[in-house]
Amino acid sequence: MGTNRIRSVLMAFGGAAMIAGGCTEPPSPNAVAGRQASATIESAAPKGNQKMATKTATFGGGCFWGVEEAFRTTKGVVSTDVGYAGGTMASPTYRDVCGGRTGHAEVVRVHYDPAAISYDALLELFWIVHDPTQVDRQGPDVGEQYRSVVFFHDAEQEAAARASMKRLGESGKFNRPIATRIEAAGPFYRAEEYHQQYLAKRGESSCHINVGGH
């Protein structure tokens, strides 16, 4: 990922360290439906008959609304959706996950064009948009569902994630150890529709705030 892209992400998210908004009661689906009808969201999908071989990456970095927006607006990302992964309950709801009884993390599933952006670049963005030193929380959001986690989809992704995390830990950027879990991807349960592209539907770029340091 280029320096200009990193700088633009930091500006959009208010600094180098961010934390997510709370696990709040979801809005009324009827109210959201009205906003969705008037919202225009630019799609990153290929146009016309253009086809590409995409790959999938899955990241958890706290509240999935802001994390999704960071990836969704990144060049080379074809599409994103938010959901739940890493737990024990089949087909959990948002309320189930927020209750802390399912073991799931809030995650963003990223479909990307490897010819346009590398997995290493996605990892670099992932480290920027949340605080990977926090354990089972992001700022005021406390719970296992907010854990920092990379779900790898093949051996190549696992190796890249472990190497990237090692470099980050040795970089001196943080004064606490990196707490991110690196785990094999299992079932992904897509979140309720009102969570998809939540910020974009509201014309917002971030639900994160700058915590000013590590």
N, C-alpha and C. Protein backbone atom coordinates (compact mmCIF):
# COMPACT_ATOMS: atom_id res chain seq x y z
N MET A 1 0.85 -1.19 0.00
CA MET A 1 0.00 0.00 0.00
C MET A 1 0.88 1.23 0.00
N GLY A 2 0.59 2.24 -0.85
CA GLY A 2 1.42 3.41 -0.95
C GLY A 2 1.28 4.34 0.24
N THR A 3 2.28 5.22 0.39
CA THR A 3 2.28 6.18 1.50
C THR A 3 1.07 7.09 1.44
N ASN A 4 0.67 7.51 0.24
CA ASN A 4 -0.48 8.41 0.11
C ASN A 4 -1.75 7.74 0.60
N ARG A 5 -1.92 6.44 0.32
CA ARG A 5 -3.12 5.74 0.78
C ARG A 5 -3.12 5.65 2.30
N ILE A 6 -1.97 5.37 2.90
CA ILE A 6 -1.89 5.29 4.36
C ILE A 6 -2.23 6.65 4.97
N ARG A 7 -1.68 7.70 4.38
CA ARG A 7 -1.95 9.04 4.91
C ARG A 7 -3.43 9.38 4.82
N SER A 8 -4.07 9.03 3.70
CA SER A 8 -5.49 9.35 3.54
C SER A 8 -6.35 8.58 4.53
N VAL A 9 -5.97 7.33 4.82
CA VAL A 9 -6.71 6.55 5.80
C VAL A 9 -6.58 7.18 7.18
N LEU A 10 -5.37 7.58 7.54
CA LEU A 10 -5.16 8.19 8.84
C LEU A 10 -5.95 9.48 8.98
N MET A 11 -6.01 10.29 7.93
CA MET A 11 -6.77 11.52 7.98
C MET A 11 -8.25 11.24 8.15
N ALA A 12 -8.75 10.24 7.42
CA ALA A 12 -10.18 9.91 7.49
C ALA A 12 -10.55 9.38 8.86
N PHE A 13 -9.62 8.67 9.49
CA PHE A 13 -9.92 8.03 10.76
C PHE A 13 -9.40 8.80 11.95
N GLY A 14 -8.84 9.99 11.72
CA GLY A 14 -8.53 10.88 12.82
C GLY A 14 -7.24 10.58 13.55
N GLY A 15 -6.32 9.81 12.99
CA GLY A 15 -5.05 9.58 13.66
C GLY A 15 -4.61 8.16 13.51
N ALA A 16 -3.51 7.84 14.15
CA ALA A 16 -2.92 6.52 13.98
C ALA A 16 -3.57 5.46 14.84
N ALA A 17 -4.25 5.84 15.91
CA ALA A 17 -4.86 4.85 16.79
C ALA A 17 -6.34 5.15 16.93
N MET A 18 -7.17 4.17 16.65
CA MET A 18 -8.60 4.38 16.66
C MET A 18 -9.31 3.35 17.51
N ILE A 19 -10.49 3.73 18.02
CA ILE A 19 -11.33 2.79 18.71
C ILE A 19 -12.75 2.95 18.20
N ALA A 20 -13.52 1.90 18.33
CA ALA A 20 -14.83 1.87 17.68
C ALA A 20 -15.92 2.37 18.60
N GLY A 21 -17.08 2.68 17.99
CA GLY A 21 -18.25 3.04 18.76
C GLY A 21 -18.83 1.82 19.43
N GLY A 22 -19.80 2.03 20.30
CA GLY A 22 -20.29 0.94 21.15
C GLY A 22 -21.15 -0.06 20.43
N CYS A 23 -21.35 -1.18 21.09
CA CYS A 23 -22.26 -2.22 20.59
C CYS A 23 -23.66 -1.80 21.00
N THR A 24 -24.21 -0.87 20.26
CA THR A 24 -25.47 -0.26 20.63
C THR A 24 -26.64 -1.07 20.08
N GLU A 25 -27.80 -0.80 20.62
CA GLU A 25 -29.01 -1.43 20.11
C GLU A 25 -29.17 -1.04 18.65
N PRO A 26 -29.35 -1.99 17.74
CA PRO A 26 -29.46 -1.65 16.33
C PRO A 26 -30.68 -0.78 16.07
N PRO A 27 -30.61 0.11 15.06
CA PRO A 27 -31.73 0.98 14.75
C PRO A 27 -32.90 0.20 14.20
N SER A 28 -34.03 0.85 14.18
CA SER A 28 -35.23 0.23 13.63
C SER A 28 -35.02 -0.13 12.18
N PRO A 29 -35.25 -1.40 11.80
CA PRO A 29 -35.09 -1.78 10.38
C PRO A 29 -35.91 -0.92 9.45
N ASN A 30 -37.10 -0.48 9.88
CA ASN A 30 -37.93 0.36 9.03
C ASN A 30 -37.27 1.71 8.78
N ALA A 31 -36.66 2.27 9.84
CA ALA A 31 -35.99 3.55 9.69
C ALA A 31 -34.79 3.42 8.78
N VAL A 32 -34.07 2.34 8.95
CA VAL A 32 -32.90 2.11 8.12
C VAL A 32 -33.30 1.91 6.67
N ALA A 33 -34.40 1.19 6.45
CA ALA A 33 -34.85 0.93 5.09
C ALA A 33 -35.13 2.24 4.36
N GLY A 34 -35.71 3.21 5.08
CA GLY A 34 -35.97 4.49 4.46
C GLY A 34 -34.71 5.20 4.06
N ARG A 35 -33.68 5.13 4.91
CA ARG A 35 -32.41 5.77 4.59
C ARG A 35 -31.72 5.04 3.45
N GLN A 36 -31.83 3.71 3.45
CA GLN A 36 -31.18 2.94 2.39
C GLN A 36 -31.75 3.31 1.03
N ALA A 37 -33.06 3.56 0.99
CA ALA A 37 -33.71 3.85 -0.29
C ALA A 37 -33.15 5.12 -0.91
N SER A 38 -32.73 6.09 -0.04
CA SER A 38 -32.25 7.36 -0.57
C SER A 38 -30.73 7.41 -0.68
N ALA A 39 -30.05 6.39 -0.15
CA ALA A 39 -28.59 6.41 -0.17
C ALA A 39 -28.07 5.84 -1.49
N THR A 40 -27.05 6.49 -2.02
CA THR A 40 -26.38 6.00 -3.21
C THR A 40 -24.98 5.59 -2.83
N ILE A 41 -24.67 4.32 -2.96
CA ILE A 41 -23.37 3.82 -2.56
C ILE A 41 -22.66 3.29 -3.79
N GLU A 42 -21.49 3.84 -4.05
CA GLU A 42 -20.74 3.43 -5.23
C GLU A 42 -20.22 2.03 -5.04
N SER A 43 -20.45 1.19 -6.01
CA SER A 43 -19.99 -0.20 -5.94
C SER A 43 -18.60 -0.33 -6.50
N ALA A 44 -17.81 -1.21 -5.86
CA ALA A 44 -16.46 -1.47 -6.37
C ALA A 44 -16.44 -2.65 -7.33
N ALA A 45 -17.58 -3.22 -7.62
CA ALA A 45 -17.65 -4.39 -8.49
C ALA A 45 -17.23 -4.04 -9.90
N PRO A 46 -16.66 -5.00 -10.62
CA PRO A 46 -16.25 -4.74 -12.01
C PRO A 46 -17.45 -4.43 -12.88
N LYS A 47 -17.24 -3.56 -13.86
CA LYS A 47 -18.32 -3.11 -14.73
C LYS A 47 -18.38 -3.96 -15.99
N GLY A 48 -19.57 -3.99 -16.58
CA GLY A 48 -19.75 -4.69 -17.83
C GLY A 48 -19.46 -6.18 -17.70
N ASN A 49 -18.77 -6.70 -18.71
CA ASN A 49 -18.44 -8.12 -18.72
C ASN A 49 -17.07 -8.43 -18.14
N GLN A 50 -16.45 -7.39 -17.55
CA GLN A 50 -15.11 -7.57 -16.99
C GLN A 50 -15.15 -8.61 -15.87
N LYS A 51 -14.18 -9.53 -15.89
CA LYS A 51 -14.11 -10.55 -14.85
C LYS A 51 -12.72 -10.52 -14.23
N MET A 52 -12.66 -10.88 -12.96
CA MET A 52 -11.39 -10.92 -12.29
C MET A 52 -11.39 -12.09 -11.30
N ALA A 53 -10.22 -12.60 -11.03
CA ALA A 53 -10.08 -13.67 -10.06
C ALA A 53 -9.84 -13.03 -8.70
N THR A 54 -10.83 -13.06 -7.85
CA THR A 54 -10.72 -12.40 -6.56
C THR A 54 -10.30 -13.39 -5.48
N LYS A 55 -9.77 -12.84 -4.40
CA LYS A 55 -9.46 -13.61 -3.21
C LYS A 55 -10.21 -13.01 -2.03
N THR A 56 -10.25 -13.76 -0.93
CA THR A 56 -10.99 -13.34 0.26
C THR A 56 -10.05 -13.19 1.43
N ALA A 57 -10.27 -12.13 2.20
CA ALA A 57 -9.56 -11.90 3.46
C ALA A 57 -10.59 -11.56 4.52
N THR A 58 -10.32 -11.93 5.77
CA THR A 58 -11.27 -11.66 6.85
C THR A 58 -10.53 -11.09 8.05
N PHE A 59 -11.04 -9.95 8.54
CA PHE A 59 -10.39 -9.24 9.64
C PHE A 59 -11.40 -8.83 10.71
N GLY A 60 -10.99 -8.91 11.96
CA GLY A 60 -11.78 -8.39 13.06
C GLY A 60 -10.97 -7.35 13.82
N GLY A 61 -11.51 -6.14 13.94
CA GLY A 61 -10.78 -5.07 14.62
C GLY A 61 -11.70 -4.16 15.41
N GLY A 62 -12.61 -4.77 16.18
CA GLY A 62 -13.58 -3.96 16.92
C GLY A 62 -14.87 -3.82 16.13
N CYS A 63 -15.60 -2.75 16.41
CA CYS A 63 -16.88 -2.50 15.73
C CYS A 63 -16.68 -2.57 14.23
N PHE A 64 -17.47 -3.39 13.54
CA PHE A 64 -17.22 -3.64 12.13
C PHE A 64 -17.65 -2.51 11.21
N TRP A 65 -18.42 -1.55 11.69
CA TRP A 65 -18.88 -0.47 10.81
C TRP A 65 -17.71 0.32 10.22
N GLY A 66 -16.84 0.84 11.09
CA GLY A 66 -15.74 1.66 10.62
C GLY A 66 -14.67 0.87 9.90
N VAL A 67 -14.42 -0.35 10.36
CA VAL A 67 -13.41 -1.19 9.72
C VAL A 67 -13.84 -1.51 8.29
N GLU A 68 -15.13 -1.80 8.11
CA GLU A 68 -15.61 -2.08 6.75
C GLU A 68 -15.40 -0.89 5.84
N GLU A 69 -15.71 0.31 6.34
CA GLU A 69 -15.62 1.48 5.48
C GLU A 69 -14.18 1.72 5.03
N ALA A 70 -13.21 1.46 5.90
CA ALA A 70 -11.81 1.63 5.53
C ALA A 70 -11.43 0.70 4.38
N PHE A 71 -11.85 -0.56 4.46
CA PHE A 71 -11.53 -1.51 3.40
C PHE A 71 -12.37 -1.26 2.15
N ARG A 72 -13.65 -0.94 2.33
CA ARG A 72 -14.55 -0.77 1.19
C ARG A 72 -14.06 0.31 0.24
N THR A 73 -13.44 1.35 0.78
CA THR A 73 -13.02 2.48 -0.03
C THR A 73 -11.57 2.37 -0.49
N THR A 74 -10.97 1.20 -0.32
CA THR A 74 -9.59 0.99 -0.72
C THR A 74 -9.52 0.45 -2.15
N LYS A 75 -8.68 1.04 -2.97
CA LYS A 75 -8.52 0.61 -4.36
C LYS A 75 -8.03 -0.84 -4.39
N GLY A 76 -8.66 -1.64 -5.21
CA GLY A 76 -8.33 -3.05 -5.31
C GLY A 76 -9.29 -3.95 -4.57
N VAL A 77 -10.07 -3.37 -3.66
CA VAL A 77 -11.11 -4.12 -2.96
C VAL A 77 -12.35 -4.14 -3.83
N VAL A 78 -12.86 -5.32 -4.11
CA VAL A 78 -14.00 -5.47 -5.01
C VAL A 78 -15.32 -5.34 -4.24
N SER A 79 -15.40 -5.94 -3.06
CA SER A 79 -16.61 -5.85 -2.25
C SER A 79 -16.28 -6.20 -0.81
N THR A 80 -17.15 -5.77 0.08
CA THR A 80 -17.01 -6.10 1.51
C THR A 80 -18.37 -6.46 2.08
N ASP A 81 -18.37 -7.27 3.11
CA ASP A 81 -19.56 -7.43 3.93
C ASP A 81 -19.12 -7.70 5.36
N VAL A 82 -20.00 -7.37 6.29
CA VAL A 82 -19.69 -7.55 7.70
C VAL A 82 -20.47 -8.72 8.26
N GLY A 83 -19.92 -9.35 9.28
CA GLY A 83 -20.57 -10.50 9.86
C GLY A 83 -19.87 -10.99 11.10
N TYR A 84 -20.09 -12.25 11.40
CA TYR A 84 -19.61 -12.84 12.65
C TYR A 84 -18.83 -14.12 12.32
N ALA A 85 -17.68 -14.29 12.99
CA ALA A 85 -16.85 -15.46 12.73
C ALA A 85 -16.11 -15.84 14.01
N GLY A 86 -15.69 -17.10 14.05
CA GLY A 86 -14.86 -17.56 15.16
C GLY A 86 -15.60 -18.02 16.39
N GLY A 87 -16.90 -18.22 16.28
CA GLY A 87 -17.69 -18.61 17.44
C GLY A 87 -18.22 -20.03 17.35
N THR A 88 -19.13 -20.35 18.26
CA THR A 88 -19.65 -21.71 18.37
C THR A 88 -21.12 -21.84 17.99
N MET A 89 -21.85 -20.75 17.94
CA MET A 89 -23.29 -20.80 17.62
C MET A 89 -23.49 -20.66 16.11
N ALA A 90 -24.33 -21.47 15.55
CA ALA A 90 -24.67 -21.34 14.14
C ALA A 90 -25.66 -20.20 13.95
N SER A 91 -25.45 -19.43 12.91
CA SER A 91 -26.35 -18.34 12.51
C SER A 91 -26.69 -17.39 13.66
N PRO A 92 -25.69 -16.82 14.33
CA PRO A 92 -25.98 -15.91 15.43
C PRO A 92 -26.56 -14.59 14.92
N THR A 93 -27.32 -13.94 15.77
CA THR A 93 -27.81 -12.60 15.48
C THR A 93 -26.88 -11.58 16.14
N TYR A 94 -27.07 -10.32 15.78
CA TYR A 94 -26.30 -9.24 16.40
C TYR A 94 -26.51 -9.25 17.91
N ARG A 95 -27.74 -9.45 18.32
CA ARG A 95 -28.04 -9.47 19.75
C ARG A 95 -27.33 -10.63 20.44
N ASP A 96 -27.28 -11.79 19.79
CA ASP A 96 -26.56 -12.93 20.35
C ASP A 96 -25.09 -12.61 20.56
N VAL A 97 -24.48 -12.03 19.53
CA VAL A 97 -23.05 -11.74 19.59
C VAL A 97 -22.75 -10.67 20.63
N CYS A 98 -23.59 -9.64 20.68
CA CYS A 98 -23.40 -8.58 21.67
C CYS A 98 -23.56 -9.11 23.09
N GLY A 99 -24.32 -10.17 23.25
CA GLY A 99 -24.50 -10.75 24.58
C GLY A 99 -23.27 -11.50 25.07
N GLY A 100 -22.29 -11.70 24.20
CA GLY A 100 -21.04 -12.33 24.60
C GLY A 100 -21.15 -13.82 24.88
N ARG A 101 -22.17 -14.47 24.32
CA ARG A 101 -22.38 -15.89 24.62
C ARG A 101 -22.02 -16.81 23.46
N THR A 102 -21.60 -16.25 22.34
CA THR A 102 -21.40 -17.08 21.15
C THR A 102 -19.93 -17.29 20.79
N GLY A 103 -19.04 -16.48 21.31
CA GLY A 103 -17.63 -16.59 20.98
C GLY A 103 -17.24 -15.97 19.66
N HIS A 104 -18.19 -15.33 18.96
CA HIS A 104 -17.88 -14.73 17.67
C HIS A 104 -17.19 -13.38 17.81
N ALA A 105 -16.47 -13.03 16.77
CA ALA A 105 -15.93 -11.68 16.63
C ALA A 105 -16.71 -10.96 15.53
N GLU A 106 -16.86 -9.65 15.68
CA GLU A 106 -17.37 -8.84 14.58
C GLU A 106 -16.26 -8.74 13.55
N VAL A 107 -16.54 -9.11 12.31
CA VAL A 107 -15.49 -9.14 11.28
C VAL A 107 -15.96 -8.50 9.99
N VAL A 108 -14.98 -8.19 9.17
CA VAL A 108 -15.23 -7.71 7.81
C VAL A 108 -14.64 -8.73 6.84
N ARG A 109 -15.46 -9.20 5.92
CA ARG A 109 -14.98 -10.09 4.87
C ARG A 109 -14.70 -9.25 3.63
N VAL A 110 -13.49 -9.36 3.13
CA VAL A 110 -13.01 -8.52 2.04
C VAL A 110 -12.74 -9.38 0.81
N HIS A 111 -13.39 -9.07 -0.28
CA HIS A 111 -13.09 -9.71 -1.56
C HIS A 111 -12.24 -8.71 -2.35
N TYR A 112 -11.05 -9.14 -2.75
CA TYR A 112 -10.13 -8.20 -3.38
C TYR A 112 -9.49 -8.81 -4.62
N ASP A 113 -8.99 -7.91 -5.46
CA ASP A 113 -8.31 -8.29 -6.68
C ASP A 113 -6.81 -8.33 -6.39
N PRO A 114 -6.19 -9.51 -6.33
CA PRO A 114 -4.78 -9.58 -5.98
C PRO A 114 -3.86 -8.95 -7.02
N ALA A 115 -4.39 -8.69 -8.21
CA ALA A 115 -3.60 -7.99 -9.22
C ALA A 115 -3.54 -6.50 -8.94
N ALA A 116 -4.46 -6.01 -8.11
CA ALA A 116 -4.54 -4.58 -7.81
C ALA A 116 -4.06 -4.24 -6.41
N ILE A 117 -4.19 -5.16 -5.47
CA ILE A 117 -3.74 -4.92 -4.11
C ILE A 117 -3.31 -6.25 -3.50
N SER A 118 -2.26 -6.22 -2.75
CA SER A 118 -1.73 -7.45 -2.15
C SER A 118 -2.34 -7.71 -0.79
N TYR A 119 -2.24 -8.94 -0.34
CA TYR A 119 -2.70 -9.28 1.01
C TYR A 119 -1.87 -8.54 2.04
N ASP A 120 -0.58 -8.37 1.79
CA ASP A 120 0.26 -7.61 2.72
C ASP A 120 -0.23 -6.17 2.87
N ALA A 121 -0.70 -5.57 1.77
CA ALA A 121 -1.23 -4.21 1.84
C ALA A 121 -2.51 -4.16 2.67
N LEU A 122 -3.35 -5.19 2.54
CA LEU A 122 -4.56 -5.25 3.35
C LEU A 122 -4.19 -5.38 4.83
N LEU A 123 -3.18 -6.18 5.13
CA LEU A 123 -2.72 -6.30 6.51
C LEU A 123 -2.22 -4.96 7.04
N GLU A 124 -1.51 -4.24 6.21
CA GLU A 124 -0.99 -2.93 6.62
C GLU A 124 -2.13 -1.99 6.99
N LEU A 125 -3.19 -2.01 6.20
CA LEU A 125 -4.36 -1.19 6.51
C LEU A 125 -5.02 -1.67 7.80
N PHE A 126 -5.12 -2.96 7.97
CA PHE A 126 -5.73 -3.53 9.17
C PHE A 126 -5.03 -3.02 10.43
N TRP A 127 -3.70 -2.99 10.43
CA TRP A 127 -2.98 -2.51 11.61
C TRP A 127 -3.25 -1.04 11.89
N ILE A 128 -3.56 -0.29 10.83
CA ILE A 128 -3.80 1.15 10.99
C ILE A 128 -5.16 1.45 11.61
N VAL A 129 -6.19 0.70 11.21
CA VAL A 129 -7.56 1.12 11.54
C VAL A 129 -8.05 0.63 12.90
N HIS A 130 -7.19 0.01 13.69
CA HIS A 130 -7.58 -0.34 15.05
C HIS A 130 -6.32 -0.44 15.90
N ASP A 131 -6.50 -0.66 17.19
CA ASP A 131 -5.37 -0.80 18.11
C ASP A 131 -5.16 -2.30 18.36
N PRO A 132 -4.14 -2.90 17.76
CA PRO A 132 -3.95 -4.35 17.87
C PRO A 132 -3.34 -4.80 19.19
N THR A 133 -3.09 -3.85 20.10
CA THR A 133 -2.53 -4.23 21.40
C THR A 133 -3.60 -4.49 22.46
N GLN A 134 -4.83 -4.14 22.16
CA GLN A 134 -5.90 -4.30 23.15
C GLN A 134 -6.46 -5.72 23.10
N VAL A 135 -6.75 -6.26 24.26
CA VAL A 135 -7.23 -7.64 24.37
C VAL A 135 -8.74 -7.64 24.60
N ASP A 136 -9.46 -8.27 23.69
CA ASP A 136 -10.92 -8.41 23.82
C ASP A 136 -11.61 -7.07 24.06
N ARG A 137 -11.15 -6.06 23.34
CA ARG A 137 -11.79 -4.74 23.43
C ARG A 137 -11.20 -3.84 22.37
N GLN A 138 -11.90 -2.75 22.10
CA GLN A 138 -11.35 -1.61 21.38
C GLN A 138 -11.88 -0.38 22.09
N GLY A 139 -11.00 0.26 22.87
CA GLY A 139 -11.41 1.43 23.63
C GLY A 139 -12.51 1.08 24.62
N PRO A 140 -13.64 1.81 24.58
CA PRO A 140 -14.72 1.56 25.52
C PRO A 140 -15.55 0.33 25.20
N ASP A 141 -15.35 -0.25 24.03
CA ASP A 141 -16.09 -1.44 23.64
C ASP A 141 -15.38 -2.66 24.21
N VAL A 142 -16.00 -3.30 25.16
CA VAL A 142 -15.35 -4.41 25.87
C VAL A 142 -16.11 -5.70 25.59
N GLY A 143 -15.37 -6.74 25.25
CA GLY A 143 -15.96 -8.04 25.00
C GLY A 143 -15.18 -8.79 23.95
N GLU A 144 -15.30 -10.11 23.98
CA GLU A 144 -14.55 -10.94 23.04
C GLU A 144 -14.94 -10.65 21.60
N GLN A 145 -16.16 -10.16 21.37
CA GLN A 145 -16.59 -9.87 20.01
C GLN A 145 -15.78 -8.73 19.38
N TYR A 146 -15.07 -7.96 20.20
CA TYR A 146 -14.27 -6.84 19.71
C TYR A 146 -12.79 -7.19 19.61
N ARG A 147 -12.45 -8.45 19.70
CA ARG A 147 -11.04 -8.83 19.67
C ARG A 147 -10.39 -8.53 18.32
N SER A 148 -9.10 -8.36 18.38
CA SER A 148 -8.31 -8.17 17.17
C SER A 148 -7.95 -9.55 16.63
N VAL A 149 -8.35 -9.83 15.40
CA VAL A 149 -8.14 -11.17 14.87
C VAL A 149 -8.00 -11.14 13.34
N VAL A 150 -7.10 -11.96 12.84
CA VAL A 150 -6.99 -12.22 11.41
C VAL A 150 -7.39 -13.66 11.18
N PHE A 151 -8.40 -13.87 10.34
CA PHE A 151 -8.80 -15.23 9.96
C PHE A 151 -8.19 -15.52 8.59
N PHE A 152 -7.23 -16.43 8.55
CA PHE A 152 -6.58 -16.71 7.29
C PHE A 152 -7.34 -17.80 6.52
N HIS A 153 -7.25 -17.72 5.18
CA HIS A 153 -7.98 -18.63 4.30
C HIS A 153 -7.09 -19.66 3.63
N ASP A 154 -5.79 -19.52 3.78
CA ASP A 154 -4.86 -20.52 3.25
C ASP A 154 -3.51 -20.34 3.94
N ALA A 155 -2.60 -21.25 3.66
CA ALA A 155 -1.29 -21.23 4.32
C ALA A 155 -0.51 -19.97 3.97
N GLU A 156 -0.67 -19.49 2.76
CA GLU A 156 0.04 -18.28 2.34
C GLU A 156 -0.40 -17.08 3.17
N GLN A 157 -1.71 -16.96 3.39
CA GLN A 157 -2.21 -15.86 4.22
C GLN A 157 -1.73 -16.00 5.66
N GLU A 158 -1.72 -17.21 6.18
CA GLU A 158 -1.25 -17.40 7.55
C GLU A 158 0.19 -16.94 7.69
N ALA A 159 1.05 -17.36 6.77
CA ALA A 159 2.46 -16.97 6.83
C ALA A 159 2.62 -15.46 6.72
N ALA A 160 1.86 -14.85 5.82
CA ALA A 160 1.95 -13.41 5.63
C ALA A 160 1.49 -12.66 6.88
N ALA A 161 0.40 -13.14 7.49
CA ALA A 161 -0.13 -12.48 8.68
C ALA A 161 0.85 -12.58 9.84
N ARG A 162 1.44 -13.73 10.03
CA ARG A 162 2.39 -13.91 11.14
C ARG A 162 3.64 -13.07 10.92
N ALA A 163 4.13 -13.01 9.68
CA ALA A 163 5.31 -12.21 9.38
C ALA A 163 5.01 -10.72 9.55
N SER A 164 3.83 -10.29 9.10
CA SER A 164 3.45 -8.89 9.22
C SER A 164 3.31 -8.49 10.69
N MET A 165 2.70 -9.35 11.48
CA MET A 165 2.54 -9.05 12.90
C MET A 165 3.89 -9.00 13.61
N LYS A 166 4.80 -9.88 13.23
CA LYS A 166 6.14 -9.89 13.81
C LYS A 166 6.86 -8.57 13.50
N ARG A 167 6.76 -8.13 12.25
CA ARG A 167 7.40 -6.87 11.87
C ARG A 167 6.81 -5.70 12.66
N LEU A 168 5.49 -5.72 12.82
CA LEU A 168 4.84 -4.65 13.57
C LEU A 168 5.30 -4.64 15.02
N GLY A 169 5.38 -5.83 15.61
CA GLY A 169 5.81 -5.92 17.00
C GLY A 169 7.23 -5.44 17.22
N GLU A 170 8.07 -5.65 16.20
CA GLU A 170 9.48 -5.27 16.30
C GLU A 170 9.74 -3.83 15.86
N SER A 171 8.70 -3.18 15.36
CA SER A 171 8.88 -1.84 14.79
C SER A 171 9.04 -0.76 15.85
N GLY A 172 8.62 -1.04 17.08
CA GLY A 172 8.66 -0.03 18.13
C GLY A 172 7.49 0.93 18.09
N LYS A 173 6.53 0.70 17.21
CA LYS A 173 5.37 1.60 17.10
C LYS A 173 4.51 1.55 18.35
N PHE A 174 4.42 0.38 18.97
CA PHE A 174 3.59 0.21 20.16
C PHE A 174 4.47 -0.10 21.37
N ASN A 175 4.03 0.36 22.52
CA ASN A 175 4.77 0.03 23.74
C ASN A 175 4.12 -1.12 24.51
N ARG A 176 3.17 -1.76 23.87
CA ARG A 176 2.57 -2.97 24.42
C ARG A 176 2.63 -4.07 23.37
N PRO A 177 2.62 -5.34 23.77
CA PRO A 177 2.68 -6.41 22.78
C PRO A 177 1.45 -6.46 21.88
N ILE A 178 1.63 -6.93 20.67
CA ILE A 178 0.51 -7.11 19.75
C ILE A 178 -0.33 -8.29 20.25
N ALA A 179 -1.63 -8.06 20.40
CA ALA A 179 -2.53 -9.07 20.96
C ALA A 179 -3.39 -9.76 19.91
N THR A 180 -3.18 -9.43 18.66
CA THR A 180 -4.00 -9.96 17.57
C THR A 180 -3.89 -11.49 17.50
N ARG A 181 -5.03 -12.13 17.37
CA ARG A 181 -5.05 -13.58 17.16
C ARG A 181 -5.00 -13.86 15.66
N ILE A 182 -4.31 -14.93 15.31
CA ILE A 182 -4.27 -15.37 13.91
C ILE A 182 -4.81 -16.79 13.88
N GLU A 183 -5.97 -16.96 13.24
CA GLU A 183 -6.70 -18.23 13.30
C GLU A 183 -7.20 -18.62 11.92
N ALA A 184 -7.38 -19.91 11.73
CA ALA A 184 -7.94 -20.40 10.47
C ALA A 184 -9.40 -19.95 10.34
N ALA A 185 -9.76 -19.54 9.14
CA ALA A 185 -11.14 -19.11 8.90
C ALA A 185 -12.08 -20.30 8.96
N GLY A 186 -13.20 -20.10 9.63
CA GLY A 186 -14.27 -21.09 9.68
C GLY A 186 -15.52 -20.49 9.08
N PRO A 187 -16.68 -20.89 9.54
CA PRO A 187 -17.92 -20.33 9.00
C PRO A 187 -18.02 -18.83 9.22
N PHE A 188 -18.49 -18.14 8.21
CA PHE A 188 -18.78 -16.71 8.27
C PHE A 188 -20.28 -16.53 8.18
N TYR A 189 -20.84 -15.82 9.16
CA TYR A 189 -22.28 -15.56 9.17
C TYR A 189 -22.50 -14.08 8.88
N ARG A 190 -23.09 -13.81 7.74
CA ARG A 190 -23.28 -12.42 7.33
C ARG A 190 -24.23 -11.72 8.30
N ALA A 191 -23.85 -10.52 8.69
CA ALA A 191 -24.67 -9.76 9.64
C ALA A 191 -25.95 -9.26 8.97
N GLU A 192 -26.86 -8.81 9.80
CA GLU A 192 -28.14 -8.29 9.33
C GLU A 192 -27.90 -7.16 8.32
N GLU A 193 -28.84 -7.00 7.41
CA GLU A 193 -28.64 -6.09 6.29
C GLU A 193 -28.40 -4.65 6.74
N TYR A 194 -29.01 -4.23 7.84
CA TYR A 194 -28.83 -2.84 8.25
C TYR A 194 -27.41 -2.55 8.73
N HIS A 195 -26.61 -3.59 8.96
CA HIS A 195 -25.20 -3.38 9.32
C HIS A 195 -24.30 -3.24 8.09
N GLN A 196 -24.76 -3.69 6.94
CA GLN A 196 -23.92 -3.67 5.75
C GLN A 196 -23.73 -2.23 5.26
N GLN A 197 -22.47 -1.83 5.07
CA GLN A 197 -22.13 -0.47 4.62
C GLN A 197 -22.86 0.57 5.47
N TYR A 198 -22.87 0.32 6.76
CA TYR A 198 -23.65 1.13 7.70
C TYR A 198 -23.29 2.61 7.61
N LEU A 199 -22.01 2.93 7.60
CA LEU A 199 -21.59 4.33 7.57
C LEU A 199 -21.85 4.97 6.22
N ALA A 200 -21.59 4.22 5.15
CA ALA A 200 -21.79 4.78 3.82
C ALA A 200 -23.25 5.17 3.60
N LYS A 201 -24.16 4.40 4.14
CA LYS A 201 -25.59 4.71 3.99
C LYS A 201 -25.95 6.02 4.68
N ARG A 202 -25.12 6.44 5.64
CA ARG A 202 -25.39 7.65 6.40
C ARG A 202 -24.49 8.81 5.99
N GLY A 203 -23.69 8.58 4.95
CA GLY A 203 -22.80 9.63 4.49
C GLY A 203 -21.66 9.92 5.46
N GLU A 204 -21.29 8.92 6.26
CA GLU A 204 -20.23 9.10 7.24
C GLU A 204 -19.02 8.26 6.84
N SER A 205 -17.83 8.67 7.30
CA SER A 205 -16.61 7.97 6.93
C SER A 205 -16.02 7.16 8.08
N SER A 206 -16.44 7.44 9.31
CA SER A 206 -15.81 6.75 10.44
C SER A 206 -16.69 6.82 11.67
N CYS A 207 -16.63 5.73 12.47
CA CYS A 207 -17.24 5.77 13.80
C CYS A 207 -16.14 5.63 14.84
N HIS A 208 -14.90 5.92 14.42
CA HIS A 208 -13.75 5.79 15.29
C HIS A 208 -13.33 7.15 15.83
N ILE A 209 -12.61 7.13 16.94
CA ILE A 209 -12.05 8.34 17.50
C ILE A 209 -10.57 8.13 17.76
N ASN A 210 -9.83 9.22 17.78
CA ASN A 210 -8.38 9.13 18.00
C ASN A 210 -8.11 9.02 19.50
N VAL A 211 -7.37 8.00 19.89
CA VAL A 211 -7.03 7.84 21.30
C VAL A 211 -5.67 8.44 21.60
N GLY A 212 -5.03 9.01 20.60
CA GLY A 212 -3.86 9.86 20.81
C GLY A 212 -2.56 9.15 21.05
N GLY A 213 -2.50 7.84 21.05
CA GLY A 213 -1.23 7.17 21.26
C GLY A 213 -1.45 5.78 21.79
N HIS A 214 -0.41 5.11 22.14
CA HIS A 214 -0.51 3.70 22.51
C HIS A 214 0.03 3.53 23.92
